[in-house]
Amino acid sequence: MISIETKGDCTIFKVTGEVTAHDIIIQAAEYMAGEQTDTTMWDFTQTARVIITTVEMKGIADSLKQSAKVDKVRKVALVGSKAINIGLGKLFAAFAQMAELPYTYKVFRQKDNAMEWLEKSPE
């Protein structure tokens, strides 16, 4: 399940239970089609299981490229507490960079560290 909350200029996607590539694509594409905040956090710390293949991971990046607004670069923090979630986050960040998505991605183990990075001005 994915719930969405906006705090100031940050949209937080909280992922709980099991999540599939389809779930992520639907939520991300819907968000990108509307009004976006400058920063986004995907919180996978309460995720029991991420059901996604490497091909699906690349597919997410490719499909988001079609929906991406290129008006400015936005920051996205991916937070996962388990080794698999951290690895998937890093893999997605690499695919997103190859797809030339107009976002800066960074992977974290702690939500506090992610929020601190999101609140900093771009360097």
PDB file of N, CA and C in Angstrom:
ATOM      1  N   MET A   1       0.843  -1.177   0.000  1.00  0.00           N
ATOM      2  CA  MET A   1       0.000   0.000   0.000  1.00  0.00           C
ATOM      3  C   MET A   1       0.892   1.246   0.000  1.00  0.00           C
ATOM      4  N   ILE A   2       0.459   2.266  -0.712  1.00  0.00           N
ATOM      5  CA  ILE A   2       1.208   3.511  -0.773  1.00  0.00           C
ATOM      6  C   ILE A   2       0.280   4.650  -0.372  1.00  0.00           C
ATOM      7  N   SER A   3       0.664   5.367   0.682  1.00  0.00           N
ATOM      8  CA  SER A   3      -0.095   6.550   1.089  1.00  0.00           C
ATOM      9  C   SER A   3       0.748   7.780   0.780  1.00  0.00           C
ATOM     10  N   ILE A   4       0.061   8.890   0.525  1.00  0.00           N
ATOM     11  CA  ILE A   4       0.741  10.118   0.134  1.00  0.00           C
ATOM     12  C   ILE A   4       0.374  11.236   1.092  1.00  0.00           C
ATOM     13  N   GLU A   5       1.404  11.991   1.497  1.00  0.00           N
ATOM     14  CA  GLU A   5       1.230  13.119   2.402  1.00  0.00           C
ATOM     15  C   GLU A   5       2.139  14.252   1.918  1.00  0.00           C
ATOM     16  N   THR A   6       1.642  15.470   2.003  1.00  0.00           N
ATOM     17  CA  THR A   6       2.466  16.616   1.636  1.00  0.00           C
ATOM     18  C   THR A   6       2.728  17.449   2.881  1.00  0.00           C
ATOM     19  N   LYS A   7       4.011  17.727   3.129  1.00  0.00           N
ATOM     20  CA  LYS A   7       4.436  18.587   4.236  1.00  0.00           C
ATOM     21  C   LYS A   7       5.257  19.712   3.638  1.00  0.00           C
ATOM     22  N   GLY A   8       4.694  20.923   3.638  1.00  0.00           N
ATOM     23  CA  GLY A   8       5.406  22.053   3.050  1.00  0.00           C
ATOM     24  C   GLY A   8       5.624  21.800   1.574  1.00  0.00           C
ATOM     25  N   ASP A   9       6.884  21.816   1.146  1.00  0.00           N
ATOM     26  CA  ASP A   9       7.211  21.591  -0.248  1.00  0.00           C
ATOM     27  C   ASP A   9       7.801  20.193  -0.470  1.00  0.00           C
ATOM     28  N   CYS A  10       7.334  19.229   0.339  1.00  0.00           N
ATOM     29  CA  CYS A  10       7.816  17.859   0.219  1.00  0.00           C
ATOM     30  C   CYS A  10       6.629  16.894   0.179  1.00  0.00           C
ATOM     31  N   THR A  11       6.611  16.043  -0.836  1.00  0.00           N
ATOM     32  CA  THR A  11       5.606  14.987  -0.928  1.00  0.00           C
ATOM     33  C   THR A  11       6.244  13.700  -0.416  1.00  0.00           C
ATOM     34  N   ILE A  12       5.550  13.040   0.510  1.00  0.00           N
ATOM     35  CA  ILE A  12       6.071  11.808   1.109  1.00  0.00           C
ATOM     36  C   ILE A  12       5.168  10.648   0.702  1.00  0.00           C
ATOM     37  N   PHE A  13       5.781   9.652   0.049  1.00  0.00           N
ATOM     38  CA  PHE A  13       5.098   8.419  -0.311  1.00  0.00           C
ATOM     39  C   PHE A  13       5.507   7.380   0.732  1.00  0.00           C
ATOM     40  N   LYS A  14       4.569   6.945   1.546  1.00  0.00           N
ATOM     41  CA  LYS A  14       4.870   5.943   2.572  1.00  0.00           C
ATOM     42  C   LYS A  14       4.383   4.590   2.068  1.00  0.00           C
ATOM     43  N   VAL A  15       5.333   3.677   1.898  1.00  0.00           N
ATOM     44  CA  VAL A  15       5.049   2.369   1.338  1.00  0.00           C
ATOM     45  C   VAL A  15       5.036   1.346   2.475  1.00  0.00           C
ATOM     46  N   THR A  16       3.916   0.627   2.616  1.00  0.00           N
ATOM     47  CA  THR A  16       3.789  -0.375   3.672  1.00  0.00           C
ATOM     48  C   THR A  16       3.324  -1.699   3.064  1.00  0.00           C
ATOM     49  N   GLY A  17       3.579  -2.777   3.792  1.00  0.00           N
ATOM     50  CA  GLY A  17       3.166  -4.090   3.319  1.00  0.00           C
ATOM     51  C   GLY A  17       3.944  -4.506   2.097  1.00  0.00           C
ATOM     52  N   GLU A  18       3.243  -5.104   1.135  1.00  0.00           N
ATOM     53  CA  GLU A  18       3.867  -5.513  -0.122  1.00  0.00           C
ATOM     54  C   GLU A  18       3.590  -4.457  -1.189  1.00  0.00           C
ATOM     55  N   VAL A  19       4.551  -4.268  -2.064  1.00  0.00           N
ATOM     56  CA  VAL A  19       4.393  -3.312  -3.154  1.00  0.00           C
ATOM     57  C   VAL A  19       4.972  -3.920  -4.430  1.00  0.00           C
ATOM     58  N   THR A  20       4.307  -3.638  -5.540  1.00  0.00           N
ATOM     59  CA  THR A  20       4.764  -4.138  -6.838  1.00  0.00           C
ATOM     60  C   THR A  20       5.203  -2.960  -7.713  1.00  0.00           C
ATOM     61  N   ALA A  21       5.844  -3.284  -8.814  1.00  0.00           N
ATOM     62  CA  ALA A  21       6.249  -2.258  -9.773  1.00  0.00           C
ATOM     63  C   ALA A  21       5.025  -1.502 -10.273  1.00  0.00           C
ATOM     64  N   HIS A  22       3.933  -2.217 -10.519  1.00  0.00           N
ATOM     65  CA  HIS A  22       2.698  -1.591 -10.995  1.00  0.00           C
ATOM     66  C   HIS A  22       2.192  -0.553  -9.995  1.00  0.00           C
ATOM     67  N   ASP A  23       2.209  -0.886  -8.701  1.00  0.00           N
ATOM     68  CA  ASP A  23       1.765   0.047  -7.652  1.00  0.00           C
ATOM     69  C   ASP A  23       2.590   1.334  -7.696  1.00  0.00           C
ATOM     70  N   ILE A  24       3.901   1.183  -7.832  1.00  0.00           N
ATOM     71  CA  ILE A  24       4.802   2.341  -7.834  1.00  0.00           C
ATOM     72  C   ILE A  24       4.581   3.194  -9.080  1.00  0.00           C
ATOM     73  N   ILE A  25       4.452   2.558 -10.232  1.00  0.00           N
ATOM     74  CA  ILE A  25       4.237   3.295 -11.478  1.00  0.00           C
ATOM     75  C   ILE A  25       2.948   4.104 -11.417  1.00  0.00           C
ATOM     76  N   ILE A  26       1.881   3.485 -10.943  1.00  0.00           N
ATOM     77  CA  ILE A  26       0.580   4.168 -10.873  1.00  0.00           C
ATOM     78  C   ILE A  26       0.685   5.415  -9.996  1.00  0.00           C
ATOM     79  N   GLN A  27       1.253   5.274  -8.788  1.00  0.00           N
ATOM     80  CA  GLN A  27       1.351   6.409  -7.865  1.00  0.00           C
ATOM     81  C   GLN A  27       2.285   7.491  -8.394  1.00  0.00           C
ATOM     82  N   ALA A  28       3.434   7.082  -8.906  1.00  0.00           N
ATOM     83  CA  ALA A  28       4.421   8.056  -9.383  1.00  0.00           C
ATOM     84  C   ALA A  28       3.908   8.805 -10.616  1.00  0.00           C
ATOM     85  N   ALA A  29       3.299   8.099 -11.550  1.00  0.00           N
ATOM     86  CA  ALA A  29       2.793   8.741 -12.774  1.00  0.00           C
ATOM     87  C   ALA A  29       1.657   9.705 -12.444  1.00  0.00           C
ATOM     88  N   GLU A  30       0.787   9.312 -11.541  1.00  0.00           N
ATOM     89  CA  GLU A  30      -0.315  10.186 -11.121  1.00  0.00           C
ATOM     90  C   GLU A  30       0.223  11.465 -10.473  1.00  0.00           C
ATOM     91  N   TYR A  31       1.215  11.316  -9.616  1.00  0.00           N
ATOM     92  CA  TYR A  31       1.846  12.461  -8.966  1.00  0.00           C
ATOM     93  C   TYR A  31       2.517  13.375  -9.990  1.00  0.00           C
ATOM     94  N   MET A  32       3.257  12.771 -10.914  1.00  0.00           N
ATOM     95  CA  MET A  32       4.000  13.560 -11.892  1.00  0.00           C
ATOM     96  C   MET A  32       3.080  14.273 -12.877  1.00  0.00           C
ATOM     97  N   ALA A  33       1.878  13.748 -13.089  1.00  0.00           N
ATOM     98  CA  ALA A  33       0.932  14.383 -14.002  1.00  0.00           C
ATOM     99  C   ALA A  33       0.280  15.617 -13.366  1.00  0.00           C
ATOM    100  N   GLY A  34       0.354  15.713 -12.043  1.00  0.00           N
ATOM    101  CA  GLY A  34      -0.254  16.843 -11.343  1.00  0.00           C
ATOM    102  C   GLY A  34       0.780  17.858 -10.890  1.00  0.00           C
ATOM    103  N   GLU A  35       0.425  18.591  -9.866  1.00  0.00           N
ATOM    104  CA  GLU A  35       1.324  19.600  -9.286  1.00  0.00           C
ATOM    105  C   GLU A  35       2.371  18.898  -8.424  1.00  0.00           C
ATOM    106  N   GLN A  36       3.641  19.109  -8.728  1.00  0.00           N
ATOM    107  CA  GLN A  36       4.716  18.463  -7.980  1.00  0.00           C
ATOM    108  C   GLN A  36       5.346  19.426  -6.979  1.00  0.00           C
ATOM    109  N   THR A  37       5.821  18.870  -5.890  1.00  0.00           N
ATOM    110  CA  THR A  37       6.614  19.646  -4.941  1.00  0.00           C
ATOM    111  C   THR A  37       8.076  19.597  -5.384  1.00  0.00           C
ATOM    112  N   ASP A  38       8.901  20.473  -4.814  1.00  0.00           N
ATOM    113  CA  ASP A  38      10.318  20.497  -5.194  1.00  0.00           C
ATOM    114  C   ASP A  38      11.075  19.282  -4.677  1.00  0.00           C
ATOM    115  N   THR A  39      10.586  18.695  -3.587  1.00  0.00           N
ATOM    116  CA  THR A  39      11.254  17.531  -3.009  1.00  0.00           C
ATOM    117  C   THR A  39      10.236  16.416  -2.770  1.00  0.00           C
ATOM    118  N   THR A  40      10.752  15.189  -2.831  1.00  0.00           N
ATOM    119  CA  THR A  40       9.911  14.011  -2.639  1.00  0.00           C
ATOM    120  C   THR A  40      10.692  12.979  -1.839  1.00  0.00           C
ATOM    121  N   MET A  41       9.983  12.279  -0.949  1.00  0.00           N
ATOM    122  CA  MET A  41      10.586  11.158  -0.229  1.00  0.00           C
ATOM    123  C   MET A  41       9.723   9.918  -0.456  1.00  0.00           C
ATOM    124  N   TRP A  42      10.394   8.848  -0.865  1.00  0.00           N
ATOM    125  CA  TRP A  42       9.748   7.540  -0.929  1.00  0.00           C
ATOM    126  C   TRP A  42      10.243   6.765   0.287  1.00  0.00           C
ATOM    127  N   ASP A  43       9.359   6.506   1.240  1.00  0.00           N
ATOM    128  CA  ASP A  43       9.707   5.860   2.506  1.00  0.00           C
ATOM    129  C   ASP A  43       9.347   4.377   2.448  1.00  0.00           C
ATOM    130  N   PHE A  44      10.365   3.540   2.279  1.00  0.00           N
ATOM    131  CA  PHE A  44      10.186   2.086   2.222  1.00  0.00           C
ATOM    132  C   PHE A  44      10.541   1.416   3.552  1.00  0.00           C
ATOM    133  N   THR A  45      10.657   2.177   4.645  1.00  0.00           N
ATOM    134  CA  THR A  45      11.113   1.609   5.919  1.00  0.00           C
ATOM    135  C   THR A  45      10.106   0.629   6.527  1.00  0.00           C
ATOM    136  N   GLN A  46       8.836   0.735   6.162  1.00  0.00           N
ATOM    137  CA  GLN A  46       7.816  -0.166   6.699  1.00  0.00           C
ATOM    138  C   GLN A  46       7.326  -1.170   5.654  1.00  0.00           C
ATOM    139  N   THR A  47       8.092  -1.306   4.581  1.00  0.00           N
ATOM    140  CA  THR A  47       7.711  -2.221   3.512  1.00  0.00           C
ATOM    141  C   THR A  47       8.114  -3.637   3.879  1.00  0.00           C
ATOM    142  N   ALA A  48       7.147  -4.556   3.824  1.00  0.00           N
ATOM    143  CA  ALA A  48       7.433  -5.953   4.135  1.00  0.00           C
ATOM    144  C   ALA A  48       8.121  -6.646   2.965  1.00  0.00           C
ATOM    145  N   ARG A  49       7.696  -6.278   1.738  1.00  0.00           N
ATOM    146  CA  ARG A  49       8.238  -6.976   0.570  1.00  0.00           C
ATOM    147  C   ARG A  49       8.059  -6.106  -0.669  1.00  0.00           C
ATOM    148  N   VAL A  50       9.135  -5.963  -1.434  1.00  0.00           N
ATOM    149  CA  VAL A  50       9.093  -5.253  -2.702  1.00  0.00           C
ATOM    150  C   VAL A  50       9.147  -6.319  -3.790  1.00  0.00           C
ATOM    151  N   ILE A  51       8.057  -6.436  -4.555  1.00  0.00           N
ATOM    152  CA  ILE A  51       7.969  -7.453  -5.593  1.00  0.00           C
ATOM    153  C   ILE A  51       8.240  -6.763  -6.926  1.00  0.00           C
ATOM    154  N   ILE A  52       9.504  -6.847  -7.357  1.00  0.00           N
ATOM    155  CA  ILE A  52       9.913  -6.120  -8.555  1.00  0.00           C
ATOM    156  C   ILE A  52      11.156  -6.773  -9.148  1.00  0.00           C
ATOM    157  N   THR A  53      11.183  -6.861 -10.449  1.00  0.00           N
ATOM    158  CA  THR A  53      12.349  -7.414 -11.138  1.00  0.00           C
ATOM    159  C   THR A  53      13.230  -6.266 -11.627  1.00  0.00           C
ATOM    160  N   THR A  54      14.428  -6.599 -12.048  1.00  0.00           N
ATOM    161  CA  THR A  54      15.334  -5.592 -12.598  1.00  0.00           C
ATOM    162  C   THR A  54      14.738  -4.975 -13.864  1.00  0.00           C
ATOM    163  N   VAL A  55      14.115  -5.777 -14.690  1.00  0.00           N
ATOM    164  CA  VAL A  55      13.492  -5.285 -15.922  1.00  0.00           C
ATOM    165  C   VAL A  55      12.357  -4.315 -15.566  1.00  0.00           C
ATOM    166  N   GLU A  56      11.569  -4.656 -14.549  1.00  0.00           N
ATOM    167  CA  GLU A  56      10.485  -3.764 -14.119  1.00  0.00           C
ATOM    168  C   GLU A  56      11.048  -2.457 -13.558  1.00  0.00           C
ATOM    169  N   MET A  57      12.162  -2.555 -12.848  1.00  0.00           N
ATOM    170  CA  MET A  57      12.802  -1.362 -12.283  1.00  0.00           C
ATOM    171  C   MET A  57      13.206  -0.405 -13.401  1.00  0.00           C
ATOM    172  N   LYS A  58      13.814  -0.936 -14.452  1.00  0.00           N
ATOM    173  CA  LYS A  58      14.177  -0.110 -15.598  1.00  0.00           C
ATOM    174  C   LYS A  58      12.912   0.432 -16.271  1.00  0.00           C
ATOM    175  N   GLY A  59      11.881  -0.386 -16.335  1.00  0.00           N
ATOM    176  CA  GLY A  59      10.616   0.035 -16.922  1.00  0.00           C
ATOM    177  C   GLY A  59       9.986   1.198 -16.182  1.00  0.00           C
ATOM    178  N   ILE A  60      10.122   1.224 -14.867  1.00  0.00           N
ATOM    179  CA  ILE A  60       9.597   2.341 -14.071  1.00  0.00           C
ATOM    180  C   ILE A  60      10.302   3.624 -14.490  1.00  0.00           C
ATOM    181  N   ALA A  61      11.624   3.582 -14.546  1.00  0.00           N
ATOM    182  CA  ALA A  61      12.391   4.778 -14.929  1.00  0.00           C
ATOM    183  C   ALA A  61      12.011   5.230 -16.337  1.00  0.00           C
ATOM    184  N   ASP A  62      11.887   4.286 -17.259  1.00  0.00           N
ATOM    185  CA  ASP A  62      11.543   4.629 -18.637  1.00  0.00           C
ATOM    186  C   ASP A  62      10.136   5.220 -18.734  1.00  0.00           C
ATOM    187  N   SER A  63       9.177   4.656 -17.998  1.00  0.00           N
ATOM    188  CA  SER A  63       7.806   5.169 -18.067  1.00  0.00           C
ATOM    189  C   SER A  63       7.692   6.528 -17.387  1.00  0.00           C
ATOM    190  N   LEU A  64       8.453   6.759 -16.335  1.00  0.00           N
ATOM    191  CA  LEU A  64       8.422   8.057 -15.663  1.00  0.00           C
ATOM    192  C   LEU A  64       9.025   9.144 -16.540  1.00  0.00           C
ATOM    193  N   LYS A  65       9.966   8.777 -17.386  1.00  0.00           N
ATOM    194  CA  LYS A  65      10.583   9.742 -18.302  1.00  0.00           C
ATOM    195  C   LYS A  65       9.517  10.388 -19.190  1.00  0.00           C
ATOM    196  N   GLN A  66       8.527   9.604 -19.586  1.00  0.00           N
ATOM    197  CA  GLN A  66       7.452  10.111 -20.435  1.00  0.00           C
ATOM    198  C   GLN A  66       6.567  11.117 -19.701  1.00  0.00           C
ATOM    199  N   SER A  67       6.434  10.974 -18.373  1.00  0.00           N
ATOM    200  CA  SER A  67       5.570  11.849 -17.575  1.00  0.00           C
ATOM    201  C   SER A  67       6.315  13.022 -16.958  1.00  0.00           C
ATOM    202  N   ALA A  68       7.632  12.990 -16.986  1.00  0.00           N
ATOM    203  CA  ALA A  68       8.432  13.983 -16.262  1.00  0.00           C
ATOM    204  C   ALA A  68       8.292  15.378 -16.845  1.00  0.00           C
ATOM    205  N   LYS A  69       8.081  16.331 -15.942  1.00  0.00           N
ATOM    206  CA  LYS A  69       8.088  17.739 -16.326  1.00  0.00           C
ATOM    207  C   LYS A  69       9.527  18.221 -16.195  1.00  0.00           C
ATOM    208  N   VAL A  70      10.024  18.891 -17.193  1.00  0.00           N
ATOM    209  CA  VAL A  70      11.430  19.271 -17.217  1.00  0.00           C
ATOM    210  C   VAL A  70      11.609  20.748 -16.858  1.00  0.00           C
ATOM    211  N   ASP A  71      10.671  21.319 -16.135  1.00  0.00           N
ATOM    212  CA  ASP A  71      10.755  22.742 -15.816  1.00  0.00           C
ATOM    213  C   ASP A  71      11.873  23.057 -14.836  1.00  0.00           C
ATOM    214  N   LYS A  72      12.247  22.116 -13.972  1.00  0.00           N
ATOM    215  CA  LYS A  72      13.378  22.288 -13.063  1.00  0.00           C
ATOM    216  C   LYS A  72      13.761  20.938 -12.469  1.00  0.00           C
ATOM    217  N   VAL A  73      14.951  20.874 -11.902  1.00  0.00           N
ATOM    218  CA  VAL A  73      15.428  19.641 -11.283  1.00  0.00           C
ATOM    219  C   VAL A  73      14.871  19.566  -9.864  1.00  0.00           C
ATOM    220  N   ARG A  74      14.301  18.437  -9.537  1.00  0.00           N
ATOM    221  CA  ARG A  74      13.754  18.220  -8.202  1.00  0.00           C
ATOM    222  C   ARG A  74      14.570  17.135  -7.492  1.00  0.00           C
ATOM    223  N   LYS A  75      14.492  17.120  -6.157  1.00  0.00           N
ATOM    224  CA  LYS A  75      15.244  16.151  -5.358  1.00  0.00           C
ATOM    225  C   LYS A  75      14.302  15.056  -4.861  1.00  0.00           C
ATOM    226  N   VAL A  76      14.780  13.810  -4.950  1.00  0.00           N
ATOM    227  CA  VAL A  76      14.004  12.667  -4.496  1.00  0.00           C
ATOM    228  C   VAL A  76      14.878  11.818  -3.578  1.00  0.00           C
ATOM    229  N   ALA A  77      14.391  11.602  -2.350  1.00  0.00           N
ATOM    230  CA  ALA A  77      15.082  10.734  -1.394  1.00  0.00           C
ATOM    231  C   ALA A  77      14.366   9.383  -1.370  1.00  0.00           C
ATOM    232  N   LEU A  78      15.136   8.311  -1.461  1.00  0.00           N
ATOM    233  CA  LEU A  78      14.617   6.956  -1.353  1.00  0.00           C
ATOM    234  C   LEU A  78      15.131   6.400  -0.032  1.00  0.00           C
ATOM    235  N   VAL A  79      14.215   6.021   0.865  1.00  0.00           N
ATOM    236  CA  VAL A  79      14.611   5.582   2.204  1.00  0.00           C
ATOM    237  C   VAL A  79      14.192   4.137   2.412  1.00  0.00           C
ATOM    238  N   GLY A  80      15.147   3.295   2.775  1.00  0.00           N
ATOM    239  CA  GLY A  80      14.856   1.894   3.059  1.00  0.00           C
ATOM    240  C   GLY A  80      15.682   1.409   4.225  1.00  0.00           C
ATOM    241  N   SER A  81      15.085   0.613   5.084  1.00  0.00           N
ATOM    242  CA  SER A  81      15.809   0.153   6.263  1.00  0.00           C
ATOM    243  C   SER A  81      16.448  -1.220   6.053  1.00  0.00           C
ATOM    244  N   LYS A  82      16.017  -1.921   5.042  1.00  0.00           N
ATOM    245  CA  LYS A  82      16.550  -3.257   4.784  1.00  0.00           C
ATOM    246  C   LYS A  82      17.562  -3.203   3.647  1.00  0.00           C
ATOM    247  N   ALA A  83      18.511  -4.093   3.674  1.00  0.00           N
ATOM    248  CA  ALA A  83      19.557  -4.114   2.647  1.00  0.00           C
ATOM    249  C   ALA A  83      18.962  -4.210   1.246  1.00  0.00           C
ATOM    250  N   ILE A  84      17.920  -5.034   1.060  1.00  0.00           N
ATOM    251  CA  ILE A  84      17.328  -5.193  -0.268  1.00  0.00           C
ATOM    252  C   ILE A  84      16.708  -3.880  -0.728  1.00  0.00           C
ATOM    253  N   ASN A  85      16.042  -3.160   0.159  1.00  0.00           N
ATOM    254  CA  ASN A  85      15.425  -1.882  -0.228  1.00  0.00           C
ATOM    255  C   ASN A  85      16.485  -0.843  -0.580  1.00  0.00           C
ATOM    256  N   ILE A  86      17.601  -0.845   0.141  1.00  0.00           N
ATOM    257  CA  ILE A  86      18.704   0.068  -0.156  1.00  0.00           C
ATOM    258  C   ILE A  86      19.273  -0.259  -1.539  1.00  0.00           C
ATOM    259  N   GLY A  87      19.491  -1.535  -1.797  1.00  0.00           N
ATOM    260  CA  GLY A  87      20.028  -1.961  -3.086  1.00  0.00           C
ATOM    261  C   GLY A  87      19.090  -1.621  -4.231  1.00  0.00           C
ATOM    262  N   LEU A  88      17.794  -1.844  -4.037  1.00  0.00           N
ATOM    263  CA  LEU A  88      16.819  -1.500  -5.073  1.00  0.00           C
ATOM    264  C   LEU A  88      16.788   0.004  -5.310  1.00  0.00           C
ATOM    265  N   GLY A  89      16.910   0.770  -4.241  1.00  0.00           N
ATOM    266  CA  GLY A  89      16.937   2.233  -4.375  1.00  0.00           C
ATOM    267  C   GLY A  89      18.125   2.688  -5.202  1.00  0.00           C
ATOM    268  N   LYS A  90      19.285   2.126  -4.931  1.00  0.00           N
ATOM    269  CA  LYS A  90      20.490   2.492  -5.681  1.00  0.00           C
ATOM    270  C   LYS A  90      20.379   2.065  -7.148  1.00  0.00           C
ATOM    271  N   LEU A  91      19.798   0.901  -7.381  1.00  0.00           N
ATOM    272  CA  LEU A  91      19.603   0.433  -8.745  1.00  0.00           C
ATOM    273  C   LEU A  91      18.639   1.359  -9.489  1.00  0.00           C
ATOM    274  N   PHE A  92      17.546   1.741  -8.829  1.00  0.00           N
ATOM    275  CA  PHE A  92      16.603   2.647  -9.471  1.00  0.00           C
ATOM    276  C   PHE A  92      17.252   3.998  -9.763  1.00  0.00           C
ATOM    277  N   ALA A  93      18.025   4.519  -8.821  1.00  0.00           N
ATOM    278  CA  ALA A  93      18.700   5.810  -9.033  1.00  0.00           C
ATOM    279  C   ALA A  93      19.598   5.738 -10.265  1.00  0.00           C
ATOM    280  N   ALA A  94      20.266   4.606 -10.466  1.00  0.00           N
ATOM    281  CA  ALA A  94      21.124   4.436 -11.647  1.00  0.00           C
ATOM    282  C   ALA A  94      20.280   4.404 -12.919  1.00  0.00           C
ATOM    283  N   PHE A  95      19.165   3.670 -12.908  1.00  0.00           N
ATOM    284  CA  PHE A  95      18.282   3.620 -14.081  1.00  0.00           C
ATOM    285  C   PHE A  95      17.689   5.000 -14.369  1.00  0.00           C
ATOM    286  N   ALA A  96      17.331   5.731 -13.320  1.00  0.00           N
ATOM    287  CA  ALA A  96      16.764   7.072 -13.495  1.00  0.00           C
ATOM    288  C   ALA A  96      17.775   8.007 -14.137  1.00  0.00           C
ATOM    289  N   GLN A  97      19.027   7.892 -13.735  1.00  0.00           N
ATOM    290  CA  GLN A  97      20.078   8.721 -14.320  1.00  0.00           C
ATOM    291  C   GLN A  97      20.274   8.365 -15.796  1.00  0.00           C
ATOM    292  N   MET A  98      20.263   7.072 -16.111  1.00  0.00           N
ATOM    293  CA  MET A  98      20.411   6.645 -17.513  1.00  0.00           C
ATOM    294  C   MET A  98      19.232   7.113 -18.362  1.00  0.00           C
ATOM    295  N   ALA A  99      18.036   7.160 -17.765  1.00  0.00           N
ATOM    296  CA  ALA A  99      16.842   7.617 -18.487  1.00  0.00           C
ATOM    297  C   ALA A  99      16.785   9.139 -18.566  1.00  0.00           C
ATOM    298  N   GLU A 100      17.751   9.790 -17.913  1.00  0.00           N
ATOM    299  CA  GLU A 100      17.845  11.248 -17.890  1.00  0.00           C
ATOM    300  C   GLU A 100      16.596  11.901 -17.297  1.00  0.00           C
ATOM    301  N   LEU A 101      16.080  11.298 -16.216  1.00  0.00           N
ATOM    302  CA  LEU A 101      14.964  11.908 -15.501  1.00  0.00           C
ATOM    303  C   LEU A 101      15.450  13.206 -14.864  1.00  0.00           C
ATOM    304  N   PRO A 102      14.614  14.240 -14.850  1.00  0.00           N
ATOM    305  CA  PRO A 102      15.044  15.539 -14.317  1.00  0.00           C
ATOM    306  C   PRO A 102      14.953  15.615 -12.790  1.00  0.00           C
ATOM    307  N   TYR A 103      15.521  14.619 -12.131  1.00  0.00           N
ATOM    308  CA  TYR A 103      15.492  14.547 -10.672  1.00  0.00           C
ATOM    309  C   TYR A 103      16.876  14.150 -10.166  1.00  0.00           C
ATOM    310  N   THR A 104      17.186  14.590  -8.962  1.00  0.00           N
ATOM    311  CA  THR A 104      18.400  14.147  -8.291  1.00  0.00           C
ATOM    312  C   THR A 104      17.956  13.136  -7.238  1.00  0.00           C
ATOM    313  N   TYR A 105      18.432  11.907  -7.343  1.00  0.00           N
ATOM    314  CA  TYR A 105      18.052  10.837  -6.420  1.00  0.00           C
ATOM    315  C   TYR A 105      19.189  10.557  -5.447  1.00  0.00           C
ATOM    316  N   LYS A 106      18.819  10.258  -4.207  1.00  0.00           N
ATOM    317  CA  LYS A 106      19.796   9.835  -3.212  1.00  0.00           C
ATOM    318  C   LYS A 106      19.117   8.810  -2.306  1.00  0.00           C
ATOM    319  N   VAL A 107      19.865   7.795  -1.899  1.00  0.00           N
ATOM    320  CA  VAL A 107      19.327   6.696  -1.094  1.00  0.00           C
ATOM    321  C   VAL A 107      19.809   6.838   0.344  1.00  0.00           C
ATOM    322  N   PHE A 108      18.891   6.596   1.287  1.00  0.00           N
ATOM    323  CA  PHE A 108      19.181   6.735   2.716  1.00  0.00           C
ATOM    324  C   PHE A 108      18.650   5.538   3.498  1.00  0.00           C
ATOM    325  N   ARG A 109      19.242   5.327   4.673  1.00  0.00           N
ATOM    326  CA  ARG A 109      18.739   4.326   5.622  1.00  0.00           C
ATOM    327  C   ARG A 109      17.851   4.958   6.687  1.00  0.00           C
ATOM    328  N   GLN A 110      18.002   6.261   6.895  1.00  0.00           N
ATOM    329  CA  GLN A 110      17.273   6.968   7.959  1.00  0.00           C
ATOM    330  C   GLN A 110      16.444   8.109   7.360  1.00  0.00           C
ATOM    331  N   LYS A 111      15.185   8.208   7.778  1.00  0.00           N
ATOM    332  CA  LYS A 111      14.310   9.275   7.282  1.00  0.00           C
ATOM    333  C   LYS A 111      14.829  10.655   7.677  1.00  0.00           C
ATOM    334  N   ASP A 112      15.386  10.781   8.884  1.00  0.00           N
ATOM    335  CA  ASP A 112      15.895  12.085   9.334  1.00  0.00           C
ATOM    336  C   ASP A 112      17.005  12.592   8.423  1.00  0.00           C
ATOM    337  N   ASN A 113      17.916  11.699   8.042  1.00  0.00           N
ATOM    338  CA  ASN A 113      19.011  12.085   7.145  1.00  0.00           C
ATOM    339  C   ASN A 113      18.475  12.470   5.767  1.00  0.00           C
ATOM    340  N   ALA A 114      17.469  11.737   5.315  1.00  0.00           N
ATOM    341  CA  ALA A 114      16.861  12.058   4.019  1.00  0.00           C
ATOM    342  C   ALA A 114      16.210  13.426   4.052  1.00  0.00           C
ATOM    343  N   MET A 115      15.471  13.714   5.105  1.00  0.00           N
ATOM    344  CA  MET A 115      14.784  14.998   5.212  1.00  0.00           C
ATOM    345  C   MET A 115      15.791  16.144   5.303  1.00  0.00           C
ATOM    346  N   GLU A 116      16.882  15.923   6.021  1.00  0.00           N
ATOM    347  CA  GLU A 116      17.931  16.941   6.126  1.00  0.00           C
ATOM    348  C   GLU A 116      18.500  17.261   4.742  1.00  0.00           C
ATOM    349  N   TRP A 117      18.756  16.229   3.922  1.00  0.00           N
ATOM    350  CA  TRP A 117      19.272  16.429   2.576  1.00  0.00           C
ATOM    351  C   TRP A 117      18.240  17.155   1.705  1.00  0.00           C
ATOM    352  N   LEU A 118      16.978  16.778   1.832  1.00  0.00           N
ATOM    353  CA  LEU A 118      15.934  17.401   1.026  1.00  0.00           C
ATOM    354  C   LEU A 118      15.785  18.885   1.351  1.00  0.00           C
ATOM    355  N   GLU A 119      15.999  19.245   2.605  1.00  0.00           N
ATOM    356  CA  GLU A 119      15.822  20.640   3.028  1.00  0.00           C
ATOM    357  C   GLU A 119      16.987  21.538   2.621  1.00  0.00           C
ATOM    358  N   LYS A 120      18.138  20.943   2.287  1.00  0.00           N
ATOM    359  CA  LYS A 120      19.300  21.741   1.858  1.00  0.00           C
ATOM    360  C   LYS A 120      19.065  22.300   0.463  1.00  0.00           C
ATOM    361  N   SER A 121      19.598  23.495   0.239  1.00  0.00           N
ATOM    362  CA  SER A 121      19.545  24.092  -1.094  1.00  0.00           C
ATOM    363  C   SER A 121      20.430  23.294  -2.033  1.00  0.00           C
ATOM    364  N   PRO A 122      20.059  23.232  -3.305  1.00  0.00           N
ATOM    365  CA  PRO A 122      20.927  22.513  -4.265  1.00  0.00           C
ATOM    366  C   PRO A 122      22.305  23.140  -4.325  1.00  0.00           C
ATOM    367  N   GLU A 123      23.328  22.280  -4.464  1.00  0.00           N
ATOM    368  CA  GLU A 123      24.717  22.779  -4.527  1.00  0.00           C
ATOM    369  C   GLU A 123      25.090  23.198  -5.903  1.00  0.00           C
TER     370      GLU A 123
END
